[in-house]
Amino acid sequence: MRDKKLDARLEIRLYPEQLKKLKDEATAKNTSVGDLVREAIDKRYNVSTDDKLKAVKQMANINAPITNWEQMKKEIESGYRK
């Protein structure tokens, strides 16, 4: 994406504290506030297939107690009715 021309504009309103945090981080990282915002957008909306697979594997490794489907269904329905 870095090789594309930046021609779209976005105007947002921030609290002064938010802008200060962005400016401080940009200075510390020797980059611009715009780069930080674009990076945050990319992180939020561009989830790779590898990241998704990693999340599924982590969920599969959760050692939660489970039972058969009929019992789980009864528990779900019972909790829903409360």
Protein backbone atom coordinates (compact mmCIF):
# COMPACT_ATOMS: atom_id res chain seq x y z
CA MET A 1 0.00 0.00 0.00
CA ARG A 2 2.95 2.30 0.56
CA ASP A 3 3.53 2.67 -3.19
CA LYS A 4 0.05 4.14 -3.79
CA LYS A 5 -0.58 7.85 -3.93
CA LEU A 6 -2.23 9.36 -0.86
CA ASP A 7 -5.11 11.28 -2.39
CA ALA A 8 -8.03 10.65 -0.02
CA ARG A 9 -8.56 13.03 2.87
CA LEU A 10 -10.24 12.49 6.20
CA GLU A 11 -11.00 15.13 8.77
CA ILE A 12 -11.61 14.00 12.33
CA ARG A 13 -12.01 15.83 15.60
CA LEU A 14 -9.93 14.67 18.55
CA TYR A 15 -9.73 15.52 22.18
CA PRO A 16 -6.57 17.51 22.95
CA GLU A 17 -5.20 14.57 24.99
CA GLN A 18 -5.66 12.22 22.04
CA LEU A 19 -3.80 14.51 19.68
CA LYS A 20 -1.01 14.98 22.21
CA LYS A 21 -0.60 11.21 22.53
CA LEU A 22 -0.45 10.85 18.76
CA LYS A 23 2.06 13.66 18.36
CA ASP A 24 4.23 12.32 21.18
CA GLU A 25 4.26 8.83 19.69
CA ALA A 26 4.93 10.17 16.21
CA THR A 27 7.90 12.13 17.53
CA ALA A 28 9.21 9.12 19.46
CA LYS A 29 8.92 6.90 16.37
CA ASN A 30 10.22 9.57 14.01
CA THR A 31 7.08 9.37 11.87
CA SER A 32 3.97 11.42 11.24
CA VAL A 33 0.59 11.45 12.93
CA GLY A 34 -0.91 10.49 9.56
CA ASP A 35 1.32 7.40 9.38
CA LEU A 36 0.21 6.37 12.86
CA VAL A 37 -3.46 6.75 11.92
CA ARG A 38 -3.00 4.78 8.68
CA GLU A 39 -1.15 2.07 10.63
CA ALA A 40 -4.01 1.86 13.15
CA ILE A 41 -6.55 1.57 10.33
CA ASP A 42 -4.51 -1.20 8.69
CA LYS A 43 -4.25 -3.10 11.96
CA ARG A 44 -7.97 -2.78 12.60
CA TYR A 45 -9.24 -3.72 9.16
CA ASN A 46 -6.56 -5.88 7.54
CA VAL A 47 -6.52 -9.17 9.39
CA SER A 48 -4.45 -11.73 7.54
CA THR A 49 -5.41 -15.33 6.99
CA ASP A 50 -2.49 -16.34 9.22
CA ASP A 51 -3.84 -14.14 12.03
CA LYS A 52 -7.29 -15.69 11.66
CA LEU A 53 -5.83 -19.20 11.69
CA LYS A 54 -3.78 -18.36 14.77
CA ALA A 55 -6.93 -17.12 16.55
CA VAL A 56 -8.84 -20.30 15.66
CA LYS A 57 -5.98 -22.44 16.96
CA GLN A 58 -5.90 -20.46 20.20
CA MET A 59 -9.65 -20.93 20.62
CA ALA A 60 -9.31 -24.64 19.92
CA ASN A 61 -6.76 -24.90 22.72
CA ILE A 62 -9.12 -23.45 25.31
CA ASN A 63 -9.70 -26.18 27.84
CA ALA A 64 -13.35 -25.41 28.54
CA PRO A 65 -15.68 -28.06 29.91
CA ILE A 66 -18.04 -29.34 27.24
CA THR A 67 -20.64 -32.02 27.00
CA ASN A 68 -22.77 -33.45 24.21
CA TRP A 69 -24.76 -31.10 21.99
CA GLU A 70 -28.18 -31.89 23.51
CA GLN A 71 -26.96 -31.04 27.02
CA MET A 72 -25.26 -27.85 25.81
CA LYS A 73 -28.41 -26.84 23.95
CA LYS A 74 -30.49 -27.29 27.11
CA GLU A 75 -28.03 -25.16 29.10
CA ILE A 76 -28.07 -22.44 26.45
CA GLU A 77 -31.86 -22.40 26.29
CA SER A 78 -32.14 -22.42 30.08
CA GLY A 79 -29.79 -19.43 30.35
CA TYR A 80 -31.66 -17.61 27.57
CA ARG A 81 -34.99 -17.90 29.38
CA LYS A 82 -33.71 -16.37 32.62
